[in-house]
Protein backbone atom coordinates (compact mmCIF):
# COMPACT_ATOMS: atom_id res chain seq x y z
CA MET A 1 112.92 128.61 93.28
CA LYS A 2 112.73 125.93 90.65
CA ILE A 3 111.90 122.35 91.60
CA THR A 4 113.43 119.71 89.37
CA THR A 5 112.81 116.00 89.16
CA PRO A 6 115.43 113.60 90.52
CA LYS A 7 117.97 112.23 88.08
CA THR A 8 118.86 109.05 90.00
CA ILE A 9 116.93 106.05 91.24
CA SER A 10 117.89 106.87 94.83
CA GLY A 11 116.56 110.40 94.34
CA TRP A 12 113.22 109.01 93.19
CA CYS A 13 113.09 106.68 96.20
CA MET A 14 113.69 109.64 98.51
CA TRP A 15 110.95 111.73 96.83
CA LEU A 16 108.49 108.84 96.96
CA PHE A 17 109.36 108.12 100.59
CA PHE A 18 108.48 111.65 101.69
CA LEU A 19 105.37 111.63 99.51
CA VAL A 20 104.13 108.37 101.08
CA VAL A 21 104.97 109.52 104.61
CA GLY A 22 103.27 112.86 103.99
CA LEU A 23 100.15 111.21 102.61
CA GLY A 24 100.12 108.80 105.55
CA VAL A 25 99.17 111.71 107.80
CA ILE A 26 95.81 111.98 106.04
CA PRO A 27 93.40 109.59 107.82
CA ALA A 28 91.70 108.41 104.61
CA VAL A 29 95.05 107.44 103.05
CA GLY A 30 96.96 106.43 106.18
CA GLY A 31 96.95 102.78 107.01
CA LEU A 32 98.76 99.72 105.81
CA ILE A 33 100.01 101.15 102.52
CA PRO A 34 102.27 103.88 104.01
CA ALA A 35 103.30 101.52 106.82
CA PHE A 36 104.49 98.96 104.27
CA VAL A 37 105.80 101.17 101.45
CA ALA A 38 107.77 103.72 103.51
CA PRO A 39 110.32 101.22 104.93
CA VAL A 40 110.75 99.63 101.50
CA LEU A 41 111.49 103.02 99.92
CA ALA A 42 113.89 103.93 102.75
CA LEU A 43 115.78 100.67 102.25
CA ALA A 44 115.83 101.15 98.47
CA TYR A 45 117.21 104.67 98.93
CA ALA A 46 119.99 103.39 101.18
CA ILE A 47 120.95 100.58 98.80
CA PHE A 48 120.85 102.69 95.63
CA SER A 49 122.84 105.47 97.33
CA LEU A 50 125.52 103.02 98.38
CA ILE A 51 125.92 101.58 94.89
CA GLY A 52 125.79 105.04 93.32
CA MET A 53 122.57 104.92 91.34
């Protein structure tokens, strides 16, 4: 299984969203940063997907 990097902006937003949410589970990292960044990345993914980027 080969993992490749995303080729679109929406793909990067999706990868970063799951990275931030996954890191938010760790108590030392979890806090305001994942709580603020995750919704922004989710919204960016939705917008970039709709416009085809």
